[in-house]
Amino acid sequence: MIEERIRYHCRKCGSENIVKNGKNRCGSQQYICRVCNASGVLVPKSRYSEAQKNEILQAYYEKGNMRLVSRIYGVSRKTLSNWLKKSAAKENQEAA
């Protein structure tokens, strides 16, 4: 019988020295890093799929109004702004 062990790392410092630290409101297991004292979920759930993100970004590019798009799709303007920054950075990397 072959056994595989998955090693989890801290998302901030990369250390393997993490321990369980209760659960959050959604019921996901929380962890804390003993090296940098960062706490959180090891693998956060993505609220939007890539297809949904692309659809929302495409609507923004067509309409050009962040407030309108955020009201229609129920996405906060901050989230939409972060997606736009990431997509612009990705385009710059591909162009270079």
Protein backbone atom coordinates (compact mmCIF):
# COMPACT_ATOMS: atom_id res chain seq x y z
CA MET A 1 0.00 0.00 0.00
CA ILE A 2 1.44 3.37 -1.04
CA GLU A 3 0.86 6.27 1.29
CA GLU A 4 1.19 9.86 0.19
CA ARG A 5 1.70 12.63 2.68
CA ILE A 6 0.79 16.16 1.78
CA ARG A 7 2.95 18.84 3.33
CA TYR A 8 1.26 22.15 3.87
CA HIS A 9 3.16 25.42 4.03
CA CYS A 10 2.42 28.83 5.49
CA ARG A 11 1.10 31.11 2.74
CA LYS A 12 3.13 34.07 4.06
CA CYS A 13 6.56 32.70 5.01
CA GLY A 14 6.54 29.17 3.51
CA SER A 15 7.31 27.42 6.81
CA GLU A 16 5.98 23.91 7.48
CA ASN A 17 5.63 24.67 11.20
CA ILE A 18 1.85 25.21 11.27
CA VAL A 19 -0.79 23.97 13.71
CA LYS A 20 -4.59 23.90 13.84
CA ASN A 21 -6.18 26.99 15.34
CA GLY A 22 -9.95 26.47 15.50
CA LYS A 23 -12.54 27.04 12.79
CA ASN A 24 -13.91 30.16 11.18
CA ARG A 25 -17.58 31.16 10.75
CA CYS A 26 -17.89 29.14 7.54
CA GLY A 27 -16.62 26.02 9.29
CA SER A 28 -13.24 25.90 7.53
CA GLN A 29 -10.24 24.79 9.55
CA GLN A 30 -7.98 27.68 10.60
CA TYR A 31 -4.23 27.29 11.02
CA ILE A 32 -1.53 29.40 12.62
CA CYS A 33 2.13 29.54 11.68
CA ARG A 34 4.48 29.24 14.63
CA VAL A 35 7.23 31.10 12.78
CA CYS A 36 5.50 34.28 11.57
CA ASN A 37 2.26 34.03 13.62
CA ALA A 38 0.14 34.36 10.47
CA SER A 39 -3.24 32.70 10.78
CA GLY A 40 -5.84 31.69 8.23
CA VAL A 41 -7.13 28.93 6.02
CA LEU A 42 -4.51 26.92 4.13
CA VAL A 43 -6.42 26.81 0.85
CA PRO A 44 -9.07 29.55 0.68
CA LYS A 45 -12.23 28.88 -1.29
CA SER A 46 -12.60 30.82 -4.50
CA ARG A 47 -15.93 32.55 -4.61
CA TYR A 48 -15.97 33.05 -8.37
CA SER A 49 -14.91 30.64 -11.09
CA GLU A 50 -12.56 31.76 -13.84
CA ALA A 51 -15.47 31.74 -16.31
CA GLN A 52 -17.49 34.06 -14.04
CA LYS A 53 -14.49 36.38 -13.61
CA ASN A 54 -13.98 36.56 -17.35
CA GLU A 55 -17.67 37.27 -17.93
CA ILE A 56 -17.66 40.08 -15.35
CA LEU A 57 -14.45 41.60 -16.72
CA GLN A 58 -15.84 41.42 -20.26
CA ALA A 59 -18.98 43.25 -19.10
CA TYR A 60 -16.78 45.93 -17.53
CA TYR A 61 -14.76 46.36 -20.72
CA GLU A 62 -18.00 46.73 -22.71
CA LYS A 63 -19.80 49.07 -20.30
CA GLY A 64 -16.85 50.89 -18.75
CA ASN A 65 -18.77 51.56 -15.55
CA MET A 66 -17.48 49.81 -12.43
CA ARG A 67 -20.45 50.74 -10.25
CA LEU A 68 -22.97 49.40 -12.77
CA VAL A 69 -21.12 46.11 -13.23
CA SER A 70 -20.72 45.65 -9.47
CA ARG A 71 -24.47 46.15 -8.96
CA ILE A 72 -25.47 43.78 -11.77
CA TYR A 73 -23.16 40.92 -10.76
CA GLY A 74 -23.02 41.50 -7.00
CA VAL A 75 -19.24 41.88 -6.94
CA SER A 76 -17.69 44.55 -4.75
CA ARG A 77 -15.89 47.37 -6.54
CA LYS A 78 -12.70 46.57 -4.65
CA THR A 79 -12.77 42.97 -5.92
CA LEU A 80 -13.43 44.16 -9.46
CA SER A 81 -10.58 46.66 -9.15
CA ASN A 82 -8.19 43.92 -7.98
CA TRP A 83 -9.20 41.69 -10.91
CA LEU A 84 -8.58 44.57 -13.34
CA LYS A 85 -5.12 45.19 -11.88
CA LYS A 86 -4.22 41.50 -12.16
CA SER A 87 -5.49 41.25 -15.73
CA ALA A 88 -3.53 44.38 -16.71
CA ALA A 89 -0.37 42.97 -15.11
CA LYS A 90 -0.91 39.68 -16.95
CA GLU A 91 -1.32 41.52 -20.27
CA ASN A 92 1.89 43.47 -19.64
CA GLN A 93 3.81 40.26 -18.95
CA GLU A 94 2.47 38.65 -22.13
CA ALA A 95 3.34 41.72 -24.20
CA ALA A 96 6.93 41.79 -22.93
